[in-house]
Amino acid sequence: MSEQAFSFETAGGIDDVLAPVRRAAETVTTQLPFVTSMTRRVLGHVERNSLDVADDALVAPAEVFTSADRFAADRQMMRRTPHVVAWGGEIAEPGDYTTKDVMGTPVLLLRGKDGAPKAFVNVCAHRGAQVAAGCGQATRFTCPYHAWSYDLDGKLASLPGRRMFDGVDLGGLRLRPLPAAEQAGLIVVGLDPSVSVAGFLDDAEEDLSGFGFDRYAHAVSRDVALRADWKLAVDVNFEGYHFPFLHKDTLAPIVSNNSVFDVFGRHCRWAFPFRNIDELRDVPEQDWPERFSGSVVYGIFPSCVLVESPVSTLMLRVYPGDRPGTCVVHMVGGALHPMNDDNDRLLAQAGFDGATAVLCDEDFPAAEACQRGAENGLENIIIGRSEPLVQHLHRGWDAAIARTGER
């Protein structure tokens, strides 16, 4: 469905802004099968000055952002669902490891000798300190506190002064394993042993598989604590209604809200184009770029956001904070392939800096402003027809909480 979008005046200098993107995009060879159909849909919206919309507006109680009961229910729901936490390329080879914070749980991810991903709670069985930090290559993980050491299967391999622990069943001690799987090149974990991670991305797997996430490399990361409910921090990534106002000097001169969306079960995809995408009308479809001329944003249930541009990638993982009305956003910028030189690192850093500047300087302050409104008398939030995926996300979260019986 579609309706009229806002009209924008295209700012000067767009060709200069997009020139490095075009040059870098020429080196991308990953075939994304949806790009042609997506580009056709967007070009139709550009011609009509329209966008994909929902059937109706949605009105919901603002207490979904403020209620202590809802906060507790959100956390319980998120402990019972799988989470995408990394690109497969972050642990590309056996012995590669990385560490993540997943809703306050320290997690160690690694590639086992058999090539399968493994996940453990990053907590030493002795006194609870973390056995690994950052990322790298290892055959053992040694706790920095008392030097207890664990192998790639999480088994206790050695410890100083073993005789001082006579009477303790050391043979049963190990890092606590967590459910882990790799699908479409993404690493999926569960925070509880009862969580089934198999097939979590089935609905979106065909769409996601073309990106080559199994080759994506970690480049830079940043954690941001917000005075806003986690759902607000996710919402800002899935509608362009605010582009001409909140982003009038940043995104609006470069992109338009002639956007399209698709739903894959609980997951979703939103795409908005660069303003010069209209130039493709005069280009044969077989010569169109391999990747979409704009940004493609995936919402992976419940709170992972993947932001894909022709030459950069950004993963956001958003979790509730330690009290209602707070959250933490883990932002990871990556490269589309292993970084081999300074040029690769500079390109990844530039993509990360550009995306996170808009988020941290404009989107996240807006989320915090909405939180203040919800805490000071706002009775309902209104999610319009031009915000279809915000509606989809809220309905999905509500349904998941209803299934847990915790609401």
Protein backbone atom coordinates (compact mmCIF):
# COMPACT_ATOMS: atom_id res chain seq x y z
CA MET A 1 0.00 0.00 0.00
CA SER A 2 1.14 3.59 -0.45
CA GLU A 3 0.25 7.19 0.27
CA GLN A 4 1.76 10.60 -0.32
CA ALA A 5 5.16 11.22 1.25
CA PHE A 6 6.65 14.52 2.25
CA SER A 7 8.40 16.56 -0.45
CA PHE A 8 12.05 17.47 0.18
CA GLU A 9 14.33 19.97 -1.45
CA THR A 10 17.47 18.13 -2.49
CA ALA A 11 20.49 19.81 -0.98
CA GLY A 12 23.55 20.54 -3.09
CA GLY A 13 26.62 18.37 -2.95
CA ILE A 14 24.89 14.97 -2.95
CA ASP A 15 27.13 13.73 -5.76
CA ASP A 16 30.18 14.63 -3.69
CA VAL A 17 28.72 12.86 -0.65
CA LEU A 18 27.89 9.69 -2.56
CA ALA A 19 30.95 9.50 -4.83
CA PRO A 20 33.06 7.43 -2.39
CA VAL A 21 30.09 5.14 -1.82
CA ARG A 22 29.72 4.54 -5.56
CA ARG A 23 33.44 3.83 -5.98
CA ALA A 24 33.52 1.41 -3.07
CA ALA A 25 30.28 -0.26 -4.16
CA GLU A 26 31.94 -1.20 -7.45
CA THR A 27 34.15 -3.62 -5.50
CA VAL A 28 31.20 -5.41 -3.86
CA THR A 29 30.44 -8.74 -5.48
CA THR A 30 27.88 -10.21 -3.04
CA GLN A 31 24.70 -10.94 -4.95
CA LEU A 32 21.58 -9.85 -3.10
CA PRO A 33 18.61 -11.37 -4.91
CA PHE A 34 16.03 -8.92 -3.56
CA VAL A 35 17.82 -5.79 -4.81
CA THR A 36 16.21 -5.69 -8.26
CA SER A 37 12.64 -6.10 -7.01
CA MET A 38 13.27 -3.69 -4.12
CA THR A 39 14.69 -1.08 -6.49
CA ARG A 40 11.67 -1.40 -8.77
CA ARG A 41 9.32 -0.87 -5.83
CA VAL A 42 11.25 2.17 -4.61
CA LEU A 43 11.41 3.72 -8.07
CA GLY A 44 7.63 3.40 -8.25
CA HIS A 45 7.33 5.27 -4.95
CA VAL A 46 9.76 7.95 -6.11
CA GLU A 47 7.65 8.49 -9.22
CA ARG A 48 4.44 8.73 -7.15
CA ASN A 49 6.08 10.49 -4.18
CA SER A 50 4.76 7.72 -1.93
CA LEU A 51 5.88 4.93 0.43
CA ASP A 52 4.72 1.61 1.88
CA VAL A 53 2.24 2.14 4.71
CA ALA A 54 0.09 0.21 7.18
CA ASP A 55 -3.66 -0.26 6.82
CA ASP A 56 -4.50 1.73 9.95
CA ALA A 57 -2.90 3.77 12.72
CA LEU A 58 -2.22 2.08 16.07
CA VAL A 59 -2.88 3.59 19.49
CA ALA A 60 -1.16 1.99 22.47
CA PRO A 61 -0.83 2.91 26.16
CA ALA A 62 2.29 4.94 26.91
CA GLU A 63 2.83 2.83 30.02
CA VAL A 64 4.52 0.23 27.80
CA PHE A 65 7.58 2.48 28.27
CA THR A 66 7.16 3.22 31.98
CA SER A 67 5.40 0.38 33.82
CA ALA A 68 7.52 -1.64 36.27
CA ASP A 69 5.39 -4.69 35.45
CA ARG A 70 6.00 -4.27 31.74
CA PHE A 71 9.72 -3.78 32.36
CA ALA A 72 9.86 -7.07 34.28
CA ALA A 73 7.82 -8.81 31.59
CA ASP A 74 10.11 -7.49 28.85
CA ARG A 75 13.18 -8.84 30.62
CA GLN A 76 11.55 -12.21 31.22
CA MET A 77 10.48 -12.45 27.57
CA MET A 78 13.98 -11.59 26.41
CA ARG A 79 15.50 -14.31 28.56
CA ARG A 80 13.21 -16.84 26.89
CA THR A 81 13.92 -15.92 23.27
CA PRO A 82 17.05 -16.35 21.12
CA HIS A 83 19.24 -13.34 20.33
CA VAL A 84 21.43 -12.56 17.34
CA VAL A 85 24.63 -11.29 18.93
CA ALA A 86 27.38 -11.38 16.27
CA TRP A 87 28.33 -11.90 12.66
CA GLY A 88 29.79 -15.31 11.93
CA GLY A 89 32.89 -13.57 10.58
CA GLU A 90 33.74 -12.38 14.08
CA ILE A 91 34.65 -15.97 14.90
CA ALA A 92 35.60 -17.11 11.42
CA GLU A 93 38.20 -19.79 12.27
CA PRO A 94 38.51 -22.48 14.96
CA GLY A 95 39.86 -20.84 18.11
CA ASP A 96 38.55 -17.37 17.19
CA TYR A 97 36.62 -15.84 20.05
CA THR A 98 34.76 -12.68 20.99
CA THR A 99 32.98 -11.49 24.11
CA LYS A 100 29.53 -9.93 24.33
CA ASP A 101 27.23 -8.47 26.94
CA VAL A 102 23.74 -9.84 26.36
CA MET A 103 21.20 -8.18 28.63
CA GLY A 104 23.76 -8.02 31.42
CA THR A 105 25.01 -11.59 30.94
CA PRO A 106 28.72 -11.81 30.01
CA VAL A 107 28.95 -14.21 27.06
CA LEU A 108 32.01 -15.83 25.49
CA LEU A 109 31.54 -16.85 21.85
CA LEU A 110 34.05 -19.02 20.06
CA ARG A 111 34.50 -21.23 17.03
CA GLY A 112 35.14 -24.81 18.14
CA LYS A 113 37.61 -27.24 16.63
CA ASP A 114 34.73 -28.78 14.67
CA GLY A 115 33.87 -25.40 13.13
CA ALA A 116 30.65 -24.99 15.10
CA PRO A 117 29.96 -21.88 17.18
CA LYS A 118 29.92 -22.28 20.94
CA ALA A 119 28.68 -19.96 23.65
CA PHE A 120 29.44 -19.92 27.36
CA VAL A 121 28.64 -17.69 30.27
CA ASN A 122 31.92 -15.80 30.61
CA VAL A 123 32.25 -16.62 34.31
CA CYS A 124 35.04 -18.57 35.98
CA ALA A 125 33.82 -21.55 38.02
CA HIS A 126 36.18 -20.54 40.86
CA ARG A 127 35.09 -17.08 41.94
CA GLY A 128 33.10 -15.73 39.00
CA ALA A 129 35.53 -13.40 37.26
CA GLN A 130 35.45 -13.18 33.46
CA VAL A 131 37.89 -15.53 31.75
CA ALA A 132 38.11 -13.60 28.47
CA ALA A 133 37.88 -10.02 27.24
CA GLY A 134 37.72 -8.44 23.81
CA CYS A 135 38.36 -10.78 20.90
CA GLY A 136 41.17 -12.80 19.40
CA GLN A 137 42.53 -16.33 18.90
CA ALA A 138 43.05 -18.82 21.73
CA THR A 139 43.29 -22.48 22.60
CA ARG A 140 42.64 -21.81 26.28
CA PHE A 141 40.97 -19.09 28.33
CA THR A 142 42.70 -18.21 31.57
CA CYS A 143 41.00 -16.24 34.31
CA PRO A 144 43.15 -13.19 35.18
CA TYR A 145 42.21 -13.44 38.87
CA HIS A 146 43.59 -16.87 39.88
CA ALA A 147 44.66 -18.34 36.52
CA TRP A 148 42.08 -21.10 36.27
CA SER A 149 42.18 -22.20 32.63
CA TYR A 150 39.49 -23.62 30.29
CA ASP A 151 39.71 -25.30 26.89
CA LEU A 152 37.64 -24.62 23.76
CA ASP A 153 34.92 -26.97 25.05
CA GLY A 154 34.65 -24.99 28.28
CA LYS A 155 36.22 -27.74 30.40
CA LEU A 156 38.49 -26.84 33.29
CA ALA A 157 41.98 -27.58 31.96
CA SER A 158 44.30 -26.45 34.74
CA LEU A 159 44.54 -24.45 37.96
CA PRO A 160 47.35 -23.47 40.32
CA GLY A 161 47.55 -25.19 43.69
CA ARG A 162 45.19 -28.02 42.85
CA ARG A 163 45.91 -29.77 46.17
CA MET A 164 44.36 -26.83 47.99
CA PHE A 165 41.00 -27.92 46.63
CA ASP A 166 41.02 -31.51 47.92
CA GLY A 167 37.45 -32.64 48.53
CA VAL A 168 36.01 -30.51 45.71
CA ASP A 169 34.85 -32.31 42.57
CA LEU A 170 37.01 -30.32 40.16
CA GLY A 171 36.25 -32.75 37.35
CA GLY A 172 32.72 -31.42 37.06
CA LEU A 173 33.70 -27.77 36.89
CA ARG A 174 33.50 -25.95 33.57
CA LEU A 175 32.23 -22.81 31.88
CA ARG A 176 28.44 -22.94 31.74
CA PRO A 177 27.35 -23.57 28.12
CA LEU A 178 24.57 -21.63 26.44
CA PRO A 179 22.51 -22.64 23.39
CA ALA A 180 24.27 -21.43 20.24
CA ALA A 181 23.78 -21.77 16.49
CA GLU A 182 24.84 -20.12 13.25
CA GLN A 183 22.22 -19.32 10.65
CA ALA A 184 22.49 -17.10 7.56
CA GLY A 185 26.00 -16.27 8.79
CA LEU A 186 24.70 -14.82 12.08
CA ILE A 187 25.43 -16.16 15.56
CA VAL A 188 22.34 -16.87 17.65
CA VAL A 189 22.43 -17.59 21.39
CA GLY A 190 19.95 -18.22 24.17
CA LEU A 191 20.40 -16.94 27.71
CA ASP A 192 18.77 -20.01 29.26
CA PRO A 193 19.51 -23.69 28.53
CA SER A 194 15.82 -24.23 27.75
CA VAL A 195 15.87 -21.77 24.83
CA SER A 196 15.80 -23.43 21.40
CA VAL A 197 17.94 -21.52 18.91
CA ALA A 198 17.61 -23.94 15.99
CA GLY A 199 15.73 -22.43 13.06
CA PHE A 200 15.33 -19.05 14.75
CA LEU A 201 15.95 -17.19 11.47
CA ASP A 202 14.09 -19.60 9.18
CA ASP A 203 11.56 -16.99 8.07
CA ALA A 204 14.28 -14.53 7.04
CA GLU A 205 17.11 -16.90 6.16
CA GLU A 206 16.74 -16.68 2.38
CA ASP A 207 16.77 -12.90 2.56
CA LEU A 208 19.71 -12.66 4.95
CA SER A 209 21.93 -15.33 3.43
CA GLY A 210 23.12 -13.23 0.50
CA PHE A 211 24.94 -10.67 2.65
CA GLY A 212 27.84 -12.94 3.56
CA PHE A 213 27.67 -12.26 7.30
CA ASP A 214 30.00 -15.22 7.80
CA ARG A 215 32.75 -13.01 6.32
CA TYR A 216 31.92 -9.75 8.09
CA ALA A 217 34.69 -8.50 10.37
CA HIS A 218 34.41 -6.52 13.59
CA ALA A 219 35.91 -3.04 13.18
CA VAL A 220 34.82 -0.82 16.06
CA SER A 221 32.28 -0.84 18.88
CA ARG A 222 30.66 1.52 21.34
CA ASP A 223 28.16 1.07 24.18
CA VAL A 224 25.61 3.78 24.95
CA ALA A 225 23.41 3.93 28.05
CA LEU A 226 20.13 5.77 27.45
CA ARG A 227 17.50 7.23 29.71
CA ALA A 228 14.82 5.63 27.56
CA ASP A 229 12.95 2.36 27.34
CA TRP A 230 14.66 -0.15 25.06
CA LYS A 231 11.66 -0.25 22.71
CA LEU A 232 12.04 3.46 21.97
CA ALA A 233 15.70 2.92 21.06
CA VAL A 234 14.65 0.22 18.57
CA ASP A 235 11.72 2.24 17.18
CA VAL A 236 13.91 5.10 15.90
CA ASN A 237 15.48 2.77 13.33
CA PHE A 238 12.27 1.79 11.54
CA GLU A 239 10.49 4.84 10.19
CA GLY A 240 11.41 7.77 7.99
CA TYR A 241 8.50 10.01 8.99
CA HIS A 242 10.98 12.01 11.10
CA PHE A 243 13.67 12.41 8.42
CA PRO A 244 12.83 15.95 7.22
CA PHE A 245 12.56 17.26 10.77
CA LEU A 246 15.00 15.48 13.07
CA HIS A 247 17.56 14.83 10.31
CA LYS A 248 17.03 17.89 8.13
CA ASP A 249 20.75 18.69 7.93
CA THR A 250 22.15 15.14 8.04
CA LEU A 251 20.14 12.36 6.40
CA ALA A 252 17.40 14.31 4.66
CA PRO A 253 19.68 15.88 1.99
CA ILE A 254 20.98 12.41 1.07
CA VAL A 255 18.05 9.98 1.44
CA SER A 256 14.30 10.04 1.00
CA ASN A 257 11.40 8.31 2.74
CA ASN A 258 10.16 6.59 -0.43
CA SER A 259 10.59 3.46 1.62
CA VAL A 260 9.45 -0.15 1.39
CA PHE A 261 9.06 -2.83 4.04
CA ASP A 262 8.67 -6.59 4.30
CA VAL A 263 7.84 -8.87 7.22
CA PHE A 264 9.43 -12.29 7.80
CA GLY A 265 7.51 -13.82 10.70
CA ARG A 266 8.66 -11.92 13.77
CA HIS A 267 11.55 -10.33 11.84
CA CYS A 268 11.28 -7.47 9.34
CA ARG A 269 13.10 -5.42 6.73
CA TRP A 270 12.88 -1.71 5.92
CA ALA A 271 14.67 0.05 3.06
CA PHE A 272 14.98 3.70 2.14
CA PRO A 273 16.89 5.02 -0.91
CA PHE A 274 19.57 7.55 -1.70
CA ARG A 275 18.01 10.54 -3.41
CA ASN A 276 19.82 9.84 -6.68
CA ILE A 277 18.34 6.36 -7.07
CA ASP A 278 16.11 7.85 -9.77
CA GLU A 279 19.16 7.86 -12.06
CA LEU A 280 18.76 4.07 -12.36
CA ARG A 281 15.67 4.55 -14.54
CA ASP A 282 17.99 5.08 -17.49
CA VAL A 283 20.19 2.09 -16.63
CA PRO A 284 19.37 -1.47 -17.79
CA GLU A 285 18.37 -3.63 -14.82
CA GLN A 286 21.20 -6.05 -15.47
CA ASP A 287 23.61 -3.16 -14.84
CA TRP A 288 22.06 -2.06 -11.54
CA PRO A 289 24.35 -2.21 -8.47
CA GLU A 290 24.72 -5.52 -6.66
CA ARG A 291 23.56 -3.87 -3.42
CA PHE A 292 20.60 -1.58 -2.87
CA SER A 293 21.27 2.12 -3.49
CA GLY A 294 20.33 3.20 0.02
CA SER A 295 20.04 1.62 3.46
CA VAL A 296 18.47 -1.73 4.26
CA VAL A 297 17.53 -2.14 7.93
CA TYR A 298 16.57 -5.49 9.48
CA GLY A 299 14.74 -5.91 12.75
CA ILE A 300 15.74 -9.29 14.18
CA PHE A 301 13.38 -10.18 17.01
CA PRO A 302 13.45 -9.09 19.74
CA SER A 303 15.97 -6.23 19.65
CA CYS A 304 18.79 -6.67 17.14
CA VAL A 305 19.02 -4.09 14.34
CA LEU A 306 21.16 -4.68 11.25
CA VAL A 307 21.87 -1.59 9.14
CA GLU A 308 23.28 -2.38 5.69
CA SER A 309 24.54 0.19 3.20
CA PRO A 310 26.45 -0.45 -0.04
CA VAL A 311 29.80 -0.28 1.76
CA SER A 312 29.19 -0.43 5.52
CA THR A 313 27.43 -2.49 8.14
CA LEU A 314 26.23 -1.73 11.64
CA MET A 315 24.77 -4.06 14.27
CA LEU A 316 22.78 -2.61 17.18
CA ARG A 317 21.81 -4.81 20.12
CA VAL A 318 19.39 -3.10 22.46
CA TYR A 319 18.50 -4.38 25.94
CA PRO A 320 16.58 -3.13 28.97
CA GLY A 321 18.71 -1.36 31.56
CA ASP A 322 18.76 -1.98 35.29
CA ARG A 323 15.47 -0.15 35.94
CA PRO A 324 12.38 0.95 33.98
CA GLY A 325 12.99 3.75 31.52
CA THR A 326 16.61 2.83 30.84
CA CYS A 327 18.41 0.75 28.25
CA VAL A 328 21.82 -0.01 26.84
CA VAL A 329 22.69 -0.04 23.13
CA HIS A 330 25.69 -2.06 21.97
CA MET A 331 26.79 -0.64 18.60
CA VAL A 332 29.23 -2.63 16.45
CA GLY A 333 30.57 -1.36 13.16
CA GLY A 334 31.94 -3.92 10.76
CA ALA A 335 33.58 -4.44 7.41
CA LEU A 336 32.03 -6.45 4.58
CA HIS A 337 35.14 -8.64 4.44
CA PRO A 338 38.21 -9.23 6.62
CA MET A 339 40.21 -6.02 7.00
CA ASN A 340 43.59 -6.31 5.32
CA ASP A 341 44.98 -2.79 5.46
CA ASP A 342 44.50 0.72 6.79
CA ASN A 343 42.18 1.65 3.93
CA ASP A 344 39.76 -1.10 4.98
CA ARG A 345 39.89 0.07 8.59
CA LEU A 346 39.41 3.71 7.65
CA LEU A 347 36.39 2.89 5.48
CA ALA A 348 34.80 0.84 8.28
CA GLN A 349 35.51 3.57 10.82
CA ALA A 350 34.03 6.24 8.54
CA GLY A 351 30.84 4.23 8.06
CA PHE A 352 30.53 3.66 11.79
CA ASP A 353 31.18 7.30 12.66
CA GLY A 354 28.60 8.56 10.18
CA ALA A 355 25.84 6.20 11.31
CA THR A 356 26.47 6.53 15.03
CA ALA A 357 26.70 10.32 14.87
CA VAL A 358 23.15 10.48 13.55
CA LEU A 359 21.97 7.97 16.13
CA CYS A 360 23.75 9.47 19.13
CA ASP A 361 23.26 13.14 18.27
CA GLU A 362 19.71 13.00 16.93
CA ASP A 363 17.80 9.69 17.21
CA PHE A 364 18.71 8.67 20.74
CA PRO A 365 18.09 12.13 22.27
CA ALA A 366 14.65 11.99 20.61
CA ALA A 367 14.03 8.59 22.24
CA GLU A 368 14.99 10.06 25.62
CA ALA A 369 12.65 13.01 25.03
CA CYS A 370 9.80 10.57 24.30
CA GLN A 371 10.61 8.72 27.52
CA ARG A 372 10.25 11.95 29.50
CA GLY A 373 6.89 12.52 27.85
CA ALA A 374 5.71 9.01 28.71
CA GLU A 375 6.73 9.56 32.33
CA ASN A 376 4.94 12.89 32.59
CA GLY A 377 1.33 12.38 31.70
CA LEU A 378 1.28 11.03 28.16
CA GLU A 379 -1.56 8.52 28.13
CA ASN A 380 -1.16 6.94 24.70
CA ILE A 381 1.31 6.75 21.87
CA ILE A 382 0.06 7.00 18.30
CA ILE A 383 1.87 5.02 15.60
CA GLY A 384 0.73 6.21 12.20
CA ARG A 385 0.20 4.43 8.89
CA SER A 386 3.58 5.76 7.68
CA GLU A 387 5.26 3.89 10.58
CA PRO A 388 4.24 0.33 9.67
CA LEU A 389 7.23 -1.50 11.09
CA VAL A 390 7.02 0.32 14.42
CA GLN A 391 3.50 -1.13 14.58
CA HIS A 392 4.82 -4.56 13.64
CA LEU A 393 7.52 -4.45 16.31
CA HIS A 394 5.14 -3.45 19.10
CA ARG A 395 2.61 -6.10 18.14
CA GLY A 396 5.37 -8.71 18.09
CA TRP A 397 6.67 -7.73 21.53
CA ASP A 398 3.15 -7.70 22.99
CA ALA A 399 2.39 -11.12 21.54
CA ALA A 400 5.61 -12.61 22.88
CA ILE A 401 4.89 -11.31 26.36
CA ALA A 402 1.34 -12.63 26.21
CA ARG A 403 2.75 -16.06 25.34
CA THR A 404 4.98 -16.04 28.41
CA GLY A 405 2.05 -15.19 30.66
CA GLU A 406 4.15 -12.59 32.44
CA ARG A 407 2.27 -9.47 31.48
